[in-house]
Amino acid sequence: MAVRAGGRNRRARALAELVYGQLLLSRKLTGAFDHLGAGFSLAGPMMMAEDYLNVRRRHALLRRLELASTPASPHSLDALLVEAAVIVKLEGRSMPRFTHDPCDTSG
């Protein structure tokens, strides 16, 4: 398959954005989703439908992670996906309601 000259540049930009976004996300740094989104927008038209949907679902799950301006220790994609899945499960559960008598100080 021939790639247009502009297509090569688009592919290189998409890869650069995705890789940089992945690096930021592995350290849970803010800005990661900006780069992942930009890379995904550029790469989307070049992807097979199944791959496009898988990446889209994965990015939606990863958006549940809390990012910060201070880097965390590096995490693998699998570890980040597990953490995000746990967050989703915990968000889906409501906290149990306790009735508590404020006058009862013994327990």
PDB file of N, CA and C in Angstrom:
ATOM      1  N   MET A   1       0.846  -1.180   0.000  1.00  0.00           N
ATOM      2  CA  MET A   1       0.000   0.000   0.000  1.00  0.00           C
ATOM      3  C   MET A   1       0.888   1.240   0.000  1.00  0.00           C
ATOM      4  N   ALA A   2       0.613   2.131  -0.885  1.00  0.00           N
ATOM      5  CA  ALA A   2       1.383   3.374  -0.966  1.00  0.00           C
ATOM      6  C   ALA A   2       0.869   4.356   0.074  1.00  0.00           C
ATOM      7  N   VAL A   3       1.809   5.058   0.673  1.00  0.00           N
ATOM      8  CA  VAL A   3       1.461   6.068   1.679  1.00  0.00           C
ATOM      9  C   VAL A   3       1.787   7.430   1.104  1.00  0.00           C
ATOM     10  N   ARG A   4       0.809   8.316   1.140  1.00  0.00           N
ATOM     11  CA  ARG A   4       1.052   9.669   0.653  1.00  0.00           C
ATOM     12  C   ARG A   4       2.135  10.336   1.500  1.00  0.00           C
ATOM     13  N   ALA A   5       2.835  11.289   0.925  1.00  0.00           N
ATOM     14  CA  ALA A   5       3.890  12.001   1.664  1.00  0.00           C
ATOM     15  C   ALA A   5       3.322  12.619   2.930  1.00  0.00           C
ATOM     16  N   GLY A   6       2.153  13.225   2.823  1.00  0.00           N
ATOM     17  CA  GLY A   6       1.515  13.799   4.005  1.00  0.00           C
ATOM     18  C   GLY A   6       1.115  12.730   4.991  1.00  0.00           C
ATOM     19  N   GLY A   7       0.814  11.530   4.480  1.00  0.00           N
ATOM     20  CA  GLY A   7       0.431  10.413   5.338  1.00  0.00           C
ATOM     21  C   GLY A   7       1.570   9.955   6.234  1.00  0.00           C
ATOM     22  N   ARG A   8       2.775   9.986   5.705  1.00  0.00           N
ATOM     23  CA  ARG A   8       3.937   9.593   6.519  1.00  0.00           C
ATOM     24  C   ARG A   8       4.155  10.586   7.656  1.00  0.00           C
ATOM     25  N   ASN A   9       4.004  11.862   7.326  1.00  0.00           N
ATOM     26  CA  ASN A   9       4.170  12.893   8.345  1.00  0.00           C
ATOM     27  C   ASN A   9       3.083  12.755   9.412  1.00  0.00           C
ATOM     28  N   ARG A  10       1.861  12.474   8.980  1.00  0.00           N
ATOM     29  CA  ARG A  10       0.738  12.294   9.912  1.00  0.00           C
ATOM     30  C   ARG A  10       0.995  11.097  10.817  1.00  0.00           C
ATOM     31  N   ARG A  11       1.471  10.015  10.225  1.00  0.00           N
ATOM     32  CA  ARG A  11       1.764   8.806  11.003  1.00  0.00           C
ATOM     33  C   ARG A  11       2.863   9.081  12.026  1.00  0.00           C
ATOM     34  N   ALA A  12       3.904   9.796  11.626  1.00  0.00           N
ATOM     35  CA  ALA A  12       5.001  10.112  12.541  1.00  0.00           C
ATOM     36  C   ALA A  12       4.517  11.008  13.676  1.00  0.00           C
ATOM     37  N   ARG A  13       3.686  11.990  13.359  1.00  0.00           N
ATOM     38  CA  ARG A  13       3.142  12.878  14.398  1.00  0.00           C
ATOM     39  C   ARG A  13       2.237  12.102  15.348  1.00  0.00           C
ATOM     40  N   ALA A  14       1.414  11.206  14.787  1.00  0.00           N
ATOM     41  CA  ALA A  14       0.514  10.399  15.618  1.00  0.00           C
ATOM     42  C   ALA A  14       1.327   9.541  16.577  1.00  0.00           C
ATOM     43  N   LEU A  15       2.352   8.889  16.065  1.00  0.00           N
ATOM     44  CA  LEU A  15       3.190   8.044  16.920  1.00  0.00           C
ATOM     45  C   LEU A  15       3.888   8.852  18.000  1.00  0.00           C
ATOM     46  N   ALA A  16       4.398  10.020  17.635  1.00  0.00           N
ATOM     47  CA  ALA A  16       5.088  10.865  18.617  1.00  0.00           C
ATOM     48  C   ALA A  16       4.127  11.285  19.729  1.00  0.00           C
ATOM     49  N   GLU A  17       2.924  11.704  19.366  1.00  0.00           N
ATOM     50  CA  GLU A  17       1.929  12.105  20.376  1.00  0.00           C
ATOM     51  C   GLU A  17       1.546  10.926  21.260  1.00  0.00           C
ATOM     52  N   LEU A  18       1.294   9.775  20.644  1.00  0.00           N
ATOM     53  CA  LEU A  18       0.885   8.602  21.427  1.00  0.00           C
ATOM     54  C   LEU A  18       1.987   8.140  22.378  1.00  0.00           C
ATOM     55  N   VAL A  19       3.210   8.098  21.887  1.00  0.00           N
ATOM     56  CA  VAL A  19       4.322   7.652  22.734  1.00  0.00           C
ATOM     57  C   VAL A  19       4.545   8.625  23.886  1.00  0.00           C
ATOM     58  N   TYR A  20       4.511   9.924  23.590  1.00  0.00           N
ATOM     59  CA  TYR A  20       4.714  10.905  24.658  1.00  0.00           C
ATOM     60  C   TYR A  20       3.570  10.837  25.677  1.00  0.00           C
ATOM     61  N   GLY A  21       2.353  10.693  25.183  1.00  0.00           N
ATOM     62  CA  GLY A  21       1.216  10.535  26.084  1.00  0.00           C
ATOM     63  C   GLY A  21       1.343   9.293  26.953  1.00  0.00           C
ATOM     64  N   GLN A  22       1.818   8.204  26.375  1.00  0.00           N
ATOM     65  CA  GLN A  22       2.018   6.972  27.138  1.00  0.00           C
ATOM     66  C   GLN A  22       3.087   7.151  28.203  1.00  0.00           C
ATOM     67  N   LEU A  23       4.145   7.855  27.855  1.00  0.00           N
ATOM     68  CA  LEU A  23       5.199   8.110  28.840  1.00  0.00           C
ATOM     69  C   LEU A  23       4.666   8.938  30.007  1.00  0.00           C
ATOM     70  N   LEU A  24       3.917   9.986  29.697  1.00  0.00           N
ATOM     71  CA  LEU A  24       3.327  10.809  30.763  1.00  0.00           C
ATOM     72  C   LEU A  24       2.350   9.993  31.602  1.00  0.00           C
ATOM     73  N   LEU A  25       1.532   9.181  30.946  1.00  0.00           N
ATOM     74  CA  LEU A  25       0.546   8.383  31.670  1.00  0.00           C
ATOM     75  C   LEU A  25       1.225   7.349  32.557  1.00  0.00           C
ATOM     76  N   SER A  26       2.317   6.778  32.103  1.00  0.00           N
ATOM     77  CA  SER A  26       3.007   5.781  32.920  1.00  0.00           C
ATOM     78  C   SER A  26       3.499   6.374  34.238  1.00  0.00           C
ATOM     79  N   ARG A  27       3.717   7.689  34.261  1.00  0.00           N
ATOM     80  CA  ARG A  27       4.127   8.388  35.481  1.00  0.00           C
ATOM     81  C   ARG A  27       2.963   9.150  36.116  1.00  0.00           C
ATOM     82  N   LYS A  28       1.754   8.963  35.541  1.00  0.00           N
ATOM     83  CA  LYS A  28       0.518   9.604  36.014  1.00  0.00           C
ATOM     84  C   LYS A  28       0.645  11.131  36.046  1.00  0.00           C
ATOM     85  N   LEU A  29       1.175  11.677  34.972  1.00  0.00           N
ATOM     86  CA  LEU A  29       1.380  13.119  34.880  1.00  0.00           C
ATOM     87  C   LEU A  29       0.285  13.796  34.068  1.00  0.00           C
ATOM     88  N   THR A  30      -0.104  14.990  34.522  1.00  0.00           N
ATOM     89  CA  THR A  30      -1.098  15.758  33.787  1.00  0.00           C
ATOM     90  C   THR A  30      -0.588  16.032  32.376  1.00  0.00           C
ATOM     91  N   GLY A  31      -1.507  16.167  31.470  1.00  0.00           N
ATOM     92  CA  GLY A  31      -1.151  16.386  30.075  1.00  0.00           C
ATOM     93  C   GLY A  31      -1.117  15.111  29.262  1.00  0.00           C
ATOM     94  N   ALA A  32      -1.119  13.985  29.935  1.00  0.00           N
ATOM     95  CA  ALA A  32      -1.044  12.709  29.224  1.00  0.00           C
ATOM     96  C   ALA A  32      -2.221  12.543  28.267  1.00  0.00           C
ATOM     97  N   PHE A  33      -3.421  12.877  28.731  1.00  0.00           N
ATOM     98  CA  PHE A  33      -4.605  12.663  27.897  1.00  0.00           C
ATOM     99  C   PHE A  33      -4.676  13.652  26.737  1.00  0.00           C
ATOM    100  N   ASP A  34      -4.058  14.818  26.892  1.00  0.00           N
ATOM    101  CA  ASP A  34      -3.993  15.758  25.768  1.00  0.00           C
ATOM    102  C   ASP A  34      -3.209  15.139  24.616  1.00  0.00           C
ATOM    103  N   HIS A  35      -2.062  14.542  24.943  1.00  0.00           N
ATOM    104  CA  HIS A  35      -1.216  13.934  23.914  1.00  0.00           C
ATOM    105  C   HIS A  35      -1.831  12.652  23.377  1.00  0.00           C
ATOM    106  N   LEU A  36      -2.410  11.838  24.254  1.00  0.00           N
ATOM    107  CA  LEU A  36      -3.056  10.614  23.783  1.00  0.00           C
ATOM    108  C   LEU A  36      -4.235  10.944  22.868  1.00  0.00           C
ATOM    109  N   GLY A  37      -4.998  11.964  23.231  1.00  0.00           N
ATOM    110  CA  GLY A  37      -6.129  12.364  22.401  1.00  0.00           C
ATOM    111  C   GLY A  37      -5.690  12.871  21.036  1.00  0.00           C
ATOM    112  N   ALA A  38      -4.649  13.695  21.034  1.00  0.00           N
ATOM    113  CA  ALA A  38      -4.138  14.223  19.765  1.00  0.00           C
ATOM    114  C   ALA A  38      -3.600  13.096  18.888  1.00  0.00           C
ATOM    115  N   GLY A  39      -2.862  12.189  19.488  1.00  0.00           N
ATOM    116  CA  GLY A  39      -2.321  11.057  18.736  1.00  0.00           C
ATOM    117  C   GLY A  39      -3.415  10.145  18.210  1.00  0.00           C
ATOM    118  N   PHE A  40      -4.439   9.927  19.027  1.00  0.00           N
ATOM    119  CA  PHE A  40      -5.545   9.069  18.619  1.00  0.00           C
ATOM    120  C   PHE A  40      -6.322   9.716  17.473  1.00  0.00           C
ATOM    121  N   SER A  41      -6.508  11.030  17.539  1.00  0.00           N
ATOM    122  CA  SER A  41      -7.202  11.736  16.453  1.00  0.00           C
ATOM    123  C   SER A  41      -6.441  11.610  15.141  1.00  0.00           C
ATOM    124  N   LEU A  42      -5.125  11.698  15.218  1.00  0.00           N
ATOM    125  CA  LEU A  42      -4.306  11.570  14.009  1.00  0.00           C
ATOM    126  C   LEU A  42      -4.251  10.126  13.507  1.00  0.00           C
ATOM    127  N   ALA A  43      -4.176   9.171  14.430  1.00  0.00           N
ATOM    128  CA  ALA A  43      -4.012   7.769  14.049  1.00  0.00           C
ATOM    129  C   ALA A  43      -5.335   7.092  13.716  1.00  0.00           C
ATOM    130  N   GLY A  44      -6.434   7.602  14.230  1.00  0.00           N
ATOM    131  CA  GLY A  44      -7.732   6.960  14.050  1.00  0.00           C
ATOM    132  C   GLY A  44      -8.065   6.560  12.625  1.00  0.00           C
ATOM    133  N   PRO A  45      -7.931   7.474  11.668  1.00  0.00           N
ATOM    134  CA  PRO A  45      -8.265   7.117  10.287  1.00  0.00           C
ATOM    135  C   PRO A  45      -7.365   6.027   9.690  1.00  0.00           C
ATOM    136  N   MET A  46      -6.214   5.794  10.272  1.00  0.00           N
ATOM    137  CA  MET A  46      -5.289   4.788   9.755  1.00  0.00           C
ATOM    138  C   MET A  46      -5.483   3.420  10.411  1.00  0.00           C
ATOM    139  N   MET A  47      -6.368   3.346  11.413  1.00  0.00           N
ATOM    140  CA  MET A  47      -6.533   2.115  12.178  1.00  0.00           C
ATOM    141  C   MET A  47      -7.663   1.259  11.622  1.00  0.00           C
ATOM    142  N   MET A  48      -7.534  -0.049  11.831  1.00  0.00           N
ATOM    143  CA  MET A  48      -8.628  -0.968  11.528  1.00  0.00           C
ATOM    144  C   MET A  48      -9.731  -0.700  12.556  1.00  0.00           C
ATOM    145  N   ALA A  49     -10.963  -0.988  12.186  1.00  0.00           N
ATOM    146  CA  ALA A  49     -12.116  -0.683  13.040  1.00  0.00           C
ATOM    147  C   ALA A  49     -11.988  -1.329  14.417  1.00  0.00           C
ATOM    148  N   GLU A  50     -11.597  -2.587  14.471  1.00  0.00           N
ATOM    149  CA  GLU A  50     -11.486  -3.283  15.759  1.00  0.00           C
ATOM    150  C   GLU A  50     -10.419  -2.646  16.645  1.00  0.00           C
ATOM    151  N   ASP A  51      -9.274  -2.306  16.058  1.00  0.00           N
ATOM    152  CA  ASP A  51      -8.206  -1.656  16.816  1.00  0.00           C
ATOM    153  C   ASP A  51      -8.652  -0.278  17.306  1.00  0.00           C
ATOM    154  N   TYR A  52      -9.342   0.454  16.453  1.00  0.00           N
ATOM    155  CA  TYR A  52      -9.840   1.781  16.807  1.00  0.00           C
ATOM    156  C   TYR A  52     -10.740   1.691  18.029  1.00  0.00           C
ATOM    157  N   LEU A  53     -11.685   0.742  18.013  1.00  0.00           N
ATOM    158  CA  LEU A  53     -12.612   0.603  19.136  1.00  0.00           C
ATOM    159  C   LEU A  53     -11.911   0.139  20.405  1.00  0.00           C
ATOM    160  N   ASN A  54     -10.950  -0.764  20.264  1.00  0.00           N
ATOM    161  CA  ASN A  54     -10.200  -1.227  21.447  1.00  0.00           C
ATOM    162  C   ASN A  54      -9.420  -0.095  22.096  1.00  0.00           C
ATOM    163  N   VAL A  55      -8.751   0.710  21.289  1.00  0.00           N
ATOM    164  CA  VAL A  55      -7.974   1.830  21.827  1.00  0.00           C
ATOM    165  C   VAL A  55      -8.912   2.862  22.448  1.00  0.00           C
ATOM    166  N   ARG A  56     -10.027   3.107  21.789  1.00  0.00           N
ATOM    167  CA  ARG A  56     -11.003   4.072  22.321  1.00  0.00           C
ATOM    168  C   ARG A  56     -11.524   3.624  23.689  1.00  0.00           C
ATOM    169  N   ARG A  57     -11.861   2.333  23.819  1.00  0.00           N
ATOM    170  CA  ARG A  57     -12.332   1.811  25.110  1.00  0.00           C
ATOM    171  C   ARG A  57     -11.236   1.903  26.169  1.00  0.00           C
ATOM    172  N   ARG A  58     -10.014   1.567  25.782  1.00  0.00           N
ATOM    173  CA  ARG A  58      -8.900   1.611  26.725  1.00  0.00           C
ATOM    174  C   ARG A  58      -8.654   3.034  27.205  1.00  0.00           C
ATOM    175  N   HIS A  59      -8.692   4.006  26.306  1.00  0.00           N
ATOM    176  CA  HIS A  59      -8.492   5.404  26.697  1.00  0.00           C
ATOM    177  C   HIS A  59      -9.613   5.877  27.613  1.00  0.00           C
ATOM    178  N   ALA A  60     -10.838   5.458  27.335  1.00  0.00           N
ATOM    179  CA  ALA A  60     -11.968   5.846  28.190  1.00  0.00           C
ATOM    180  C   ALA A  60     -11.773   5.286  29.602  1.00  0.00           C
ATOM    181  N   LEU A  61     -11.302   4.061  29.710  1.00  0.00           N
ATOM    182  CA  LEU A  61     -11.050   3.462  31.018  1.00  0.00           C
ATOM    183  C   LEU A  61      -9.907   4.184  31.731  1.00  0.00           C
ATOM    184  N   LEU A  62      -8.847   4.469  31.008  1.00  0.00           N
ATOM    185  CA  LEU A  62      -7.681   5.121  31.615  1.00  0.00           C
ATOM    186  C   LEU A  62      -7.987   6.545  32.097  1.00  0.00           C
ATOM    187  N   ARG A  63      -8.995   7.171  31.520  1.00  0.00           N
ATOM    188  CA  ARG A  63      -9.367   8.528  31.950  1.00  0.00           C
ATOM    189  C   ARG A  63      -9.896   8.554  33.382  1.00  0.00           C
ATOM    190  N   ARG A  64     -10.173   7.409  33.963  1.00  0.00           N
ATOM    191  CA  ARG A  64     -10.620   7.351  35.361  1.00  0.00           C
ATOM    192  C   ARG A  64      -9.476   7.593  36.333  1.00  0.00           C
ATOM    193  N   LEU A  65      -8.238   7.504  35.848  1.00  0.00           N
ATOM    194  CA  LEU A  65      -7.076   7.677  36.717  1.00  0.00           C
ATOM    195  C   LEU A  65      -6.901   9.136  37.112  1.00  0.00           C
ATOM    196  N   GLU A  66      -6.435   9.342  38.318  1.00  0.00           N
ATOM    197  CA  GLU A  66      -6.106  10.689  38.797  1.00  0.00           C
ATOM    198  C   GLU A  66      -4.683  11.004  38.349  1.00  0.00           C
ATOM    199  N   LEU A  67      -4.517  12.109  37.649  1.00  0.00           N
ATOM    200  CA  LEU A  67      -3.190  12.532  37.220  1.00  0.00           C
ATOM    201  C   LEU A  67      -2.757  13.736  38.045  1.00  0.00           C
ATOM    202  N   ALA A  68      -1.458  13.929  38.151  1.00  0.00           N
ATOM    203  CA  ALA A  68      -0.923  15.012  38.974  1.00  0.00           C
ATOM    204  C   ALA A  68       0.254  15.664  38.267  1.00  0.00           C
ATOM    205  N   SER A  69       0.689  16.773  38.807  1.00  0.00           N
ATOM    206  CA  SER A  69       1.845  17.465  38.235  1.00  0.00           C
ATOM    207  C   SER A  69       3.163  16.912  38.767  1.00  0.00           C
ATOM    208  N   THR A  70       3.085  16.086  39.796  1.00  0.00           N
ATOM    209  CA  THR A  70       4.270  15.427  40.361  1.00  0.00           C
ATOM    210  C   THR A  70       4.308  13.987  39.861  1.00  0.00           C
ATOM    211  N   PRO A  71       5.416  13.548  39.280  1.00  0.00           N
ATOM    212  CA  PRO A  71       5.449  12.198  38.719  1.00  0.00           C
ATOM    213  C   PRO A  71       5.401  11.108  39.787  1.00  0.00           C
ATOM    214  N   ALA A  72       4.651  10.066  39.477  1.00  0.00           N
ATOM    215  CA  ALA A  72       4.620   8.865  40.313  1.00  0.00           C
ATOM    216  C   ALA A  72       5.675   7.905  39.769  1.00  0.00           C
ATOM    217  N   SER A  73       5.911   6.832  40.473  1.00  0.00           N
ATOM    218  CA  SER A  73       6.822   5.822  39.928  1.00  0.00           C
ATOM    219  C   SER A  73       6.187   5.242  38.666  1.00  0.00           C
ATOM    220  N   PRO A  74       6.996   4.807  37.721  1.00  0.00           N
ATOM    221  CA  PRO A  74       6.439   4.315  36.448  1.00  0.00           C
ATOM    222  C   PRO A  74       5.545   3.096  36.643  1.00  0.00           C
ATOM    223  N   HIS A  75       4.460   3.044  35.883  1.00  0.00           N
ATOM    224  CA  HIS A  75       3.525   1.931  35.912  1.00  0.00           C
ATOM    225  C   HIS A  75       3.382   1.369  34.501  1.00  0.00           C
ATOM    226  N   SER A  76       3.185   0.073  34.407  1.00  0.00           N
ATOM    227  CA  SER A  76       2.936  -0.547  33.106  1.00  0.00           C
ATOM    228  C   SER A  76       1.498  -0.273  32.685  1.00  0.00           C
ATOM    229  N   LEU A  77       1.222  -0.470  31.417  1.00  0.00           N
ATOM    230  CA  LEU A  77      -0.142  -0.291  30.930  1.00  0.00           C
ATOM    231  C   LEU A  77      -1.089  -1.242  31.655  1.00  0.00           C
ATOM    232  N   ASP A  78      -0.672  -2.479  31.842  1.00  0.00           N
ATOM    233  CA  ASP A  78      -1.530  -3.442  32.539  1.00  0.00           C
ATOM    234  C   ASP A  78      -1.862  -2.974  33.949  1.00  0.00           C
ATOM    235  N   ALA A  79      -0.880  -2.454  34.661  1.00  0.00           N
ATOM    236  CA  ALA A  79      -1.115  -1.977  36.031  1.00  0.00           C
ATOM    237  C   ALA A  79      -2.071  -0.789  36.029  1.00  0.00           C
ATOM    238  N   LEU A  80      -1.915   0.107  35.062  1.00  0.00           N
ATOM    239  CA  LEU A  80      -2.802   1.264  34.976  1.00  0.00           C
ATOM    240  C   LEU A  80      -4.232   0.837  34.645  1.00  0.00           C
ATOM    241  N   LEU A  81      -4.373  -0.148  33.764  1.00  0.00           N
ATOM    242  CA  LEU A  81      -5.704  -0.639  33.409  1.00  0.00           C
ATOM    243  C   LEU A  81      -6.383  -1.314  34.597  1.00  0.00           C
ATOM    244  N   VAL A  82      -5.618  -2.064  35.374  1.00  0.00           N
ATOM    245  CA  VAL A  82      -6.185  -2.705  36.565  1.00  0.00           C
ATOM    246  C   VAL A  82      -6.630  -1.639  37.563  1.00  0.00           C
ATOM    247  N   GLU A  83      -5.791  -0.648  37.793  1.00  0.00           N
ATOM    248  CA  GLU A  83      -6.142   0.424  38.730  1.00  0.00           C
ATOM    249  C   GLU A  83      -7.404   1.155  38.271  1.00  0.00           C
ATOM    250  N   ALA A  84      -7.486   1.454  36.992  1.00  0.00           N
ATOM    251  CA  ALA A  84      -8.663   2.147  36.463  1.00  0.00           C
ATOM    252  C   ALA A  84      -9.913   1.276  36.600  1.00  0.00           C
ATOM    253  N   ALA A  85      -9.776  -0.027  36.372  1.00  0.00           N
ATOM    254  CA  ALA A  85     -10.923  -0.934  36.509  1.00  0.00           C
ATOM    255  C   ALA A  85     -11.397  -0.998  37.959  1.00  0.00           C
ATOM    256  N   VAL A  86     -10.468  -0.976  38.896  1.00  0.00           N
ATOM    257  CA  VAL A  86     -10.838  -0.971  40.321  1.00  0.00           C
ATOM    258  C   VAL A  86     -11.585   0.313  40.658  1.00  0.00           C
ATOM    259  N   ILE A  87     -11.119   1.428  40.136  1.00  0.00           N
ATOM    260  CA  ILE A  87     -11.794   2.708  40.374  1.00  0.00           C
ATOM    261  C   ILE A  87     -13.225   2.647  39.859  1.00  0.00           C
ATOM    262  N   VAL A  88     -13.405   2.090  38.676  1.00  0.00           N
ATOM    263  CA  VAL A  88     -14.744   1.980  38.096  1.00  0.00           C
ATOM    264  C   VAL A  88     -15.637   1.128  38.994  1.00  0.00           C
ATOM    265  N   LYS A  89     -15.099   0.010  39.467  1.00  0.00           N
ATOM    266  CA  LYS A  89     -15.895  -0.862  40.344  1.00  0.00           C
ATOM    267  C   LYS A  89     -16.259  -0.159  41.640  1.00  0.00           C
ATOM    268  N   LEU A  90     -15.302   0.554  42.212  1.00  0.00           N
ATOM    269  CA  LEU A  90     -15.573   1.249  43.473  1.00  0.00           C
ATOM    270  C   LEU A  90     -16.566   2.390  43.275  1.00  0.00           C
ATOM    271  N   GLU A  91     -16.508   3.064  42.141  1.00  0.00           N
ATOM    272  CA  GLU A  91     -17.452   4.148  41.878  1.00  0.00           C
ATOM    273  C   GLU A  91     -18.869   3.619  41.712  1.00  0.00           C
ATOM    274  N   GLY A  92     -18.991   2.382  41.255  1.00  0.00           N
ATOM    275  CA  GLY A  92     -20.302   1.800  41.031  1.00  0.00           C
ATOM    276  C   GLY A  92     -20.991   1.353  42.300  1.00  0.00           C
ATOM    277  N   ARG A  93     -20.251   1.209  43.352  1.00  0.00           N
ATOM    278  CA  ARG A  93     -20.828   0.773  44.621  1.00  0.00           C
ATOM    279  C   ARG A  93     -21.169   1.986  45.467  1.00  0.00           C
ATOM    280  N   SER A  94     -22.310   1.922  46.096  1.00  0.00           N
ATOM    281  CA  SER A  94     -22.652   3.018  47.006  1.00  0.00           C
ATOM    282  C   SER A  94     -22.176   2.640  48.403  1.00  0.00           C
ATOM    283  N   MET A  95     -21.817   3.629  49.138  1.00  0.00           N
ATOM    284  CA  MET A  95     -21.371   3.394  50.510  1.00  0.00           C
ATOM    285  C   MET A  95     -22.564   2.957  51.347  1.00  0.00           C
ATOM    286  N   PRO A  96     -22.365   1.979  52.230  1.00  0.00           N
ATOM    287  CA  PRO A  96     -23.479   1.549  53.072  1.00  0.00           C
ATOM    288  C   PRO A  96     -23.923   2.675  53.993  1.00  0.00           C
ATOM    289  N   ARG A  97     -25.199   2.721  54.224  1.00  0.00           N
ATOM    290  CA  ARG A  97     -25.767   3.749  55.106  1.00  0.00           C
ATOM    291  C   ARG A  97     -25.794   3.203  56.529  1.00  0.00           C
ATOM    292  N   PHE A  98     -25.261   3.968  57.438  1.00  0.00           N
ATOM    293  CA  PHE A  98     -25.256   3.588  58.850  1.00  0.00           C
ATOM    294  C   PHE A  98     -26.135   4.567  59.608  1.00  0.00           C
ATOM    295  N   THR A  99     -26.888   4.039  60.506  1.00  0.00           N
ATOM    296  CA  THR A  99     -27.623   4.927  61.398  1.00  0.00           C
ATOM    297  C   THR A  99     -26.808   5.011  62.673  1.00  0.00           C
ATOM    298  N   HIS A 100     -26.556   6.189  63.081  1.00  0.00           N
ATOM    299  CA  HIS A 100     -25.692   6.385  64.238  1.00  0.00           C
ATOM    300  C   HIS A 100     -26.353   7.389  65.169  1.00  0.00           C
ATOM    301  N   ASP A 101     -26.436   6.986  66.392  1.00  0.00           N
ATOM    302  CA  ASP A 101     -26.977   7.877  67.427  1.00  0.00           C
ATOM    303  C   ASP A 101     -25.818   8.711  67.941  1.00  0.00           C
ATOM    304  N   PRO A 102     -25.817  10.022  67.744  1.00  0.00           N
ATOM    305  CA  PRO A 102     -24.714  10.856  68.170  1.00  0.00           C
ATOM    306  C   PRO A 102     -24.500  10.833  69.686  1.00  0.00           C
ATOM    307  N   CYS A 103     -25.503  10.422  70.428  1.00  0.00           N
ATOM    308  CA  CYS A 103     -25.342  10.344  71.887  1.00  0.00           C
ATOM    309  C   CYS A 103     -24.626   9.069  72.315  1.00  0.00           C
ATOM    310  N   ASP A 104     -24.554   8.091  71.399  1.00  0.00           N
ATOM    311  CA  ASP A 104     -23.907   6.822  71.721  1.00  0.00           C
ATOM    312  C   ASP A 104     -22.405   6.973  71.472  1.00  0.00           C
ATOM    313  N   THR A 105     -21.635   7.111  72.501  1.00  0.00           N
ATOM    314  CA  THR A 105     -20.184   7.284  72.373  1.00  0.00           C
ATOM    315  C   THR A 105     -19.423   5.993  72.596  1.00  0.00           C
ATOM    316  N   SER A 106     -20.138   4.906  72.815  1.00  0.00           N
ATOM    317  CA  SER A 106     -19.456   3.642  73.083  1.00  0.00           C
ATOM    318  C   SER A 106     -19.314   2.768  71.835  1.00  0.00           C
ATOM    319  N   GLY A 107     -19.863   3.171  70.754  1.00  0.00           N
ATOM    320  CA  GLY A 107     -19.645   2.325  69.612  1.00  0.00           C
ATOM    321  C   GLY A 107     -20.698   2.304  68.628  1.00  0.00           C
TER     322      GLY A 107
END
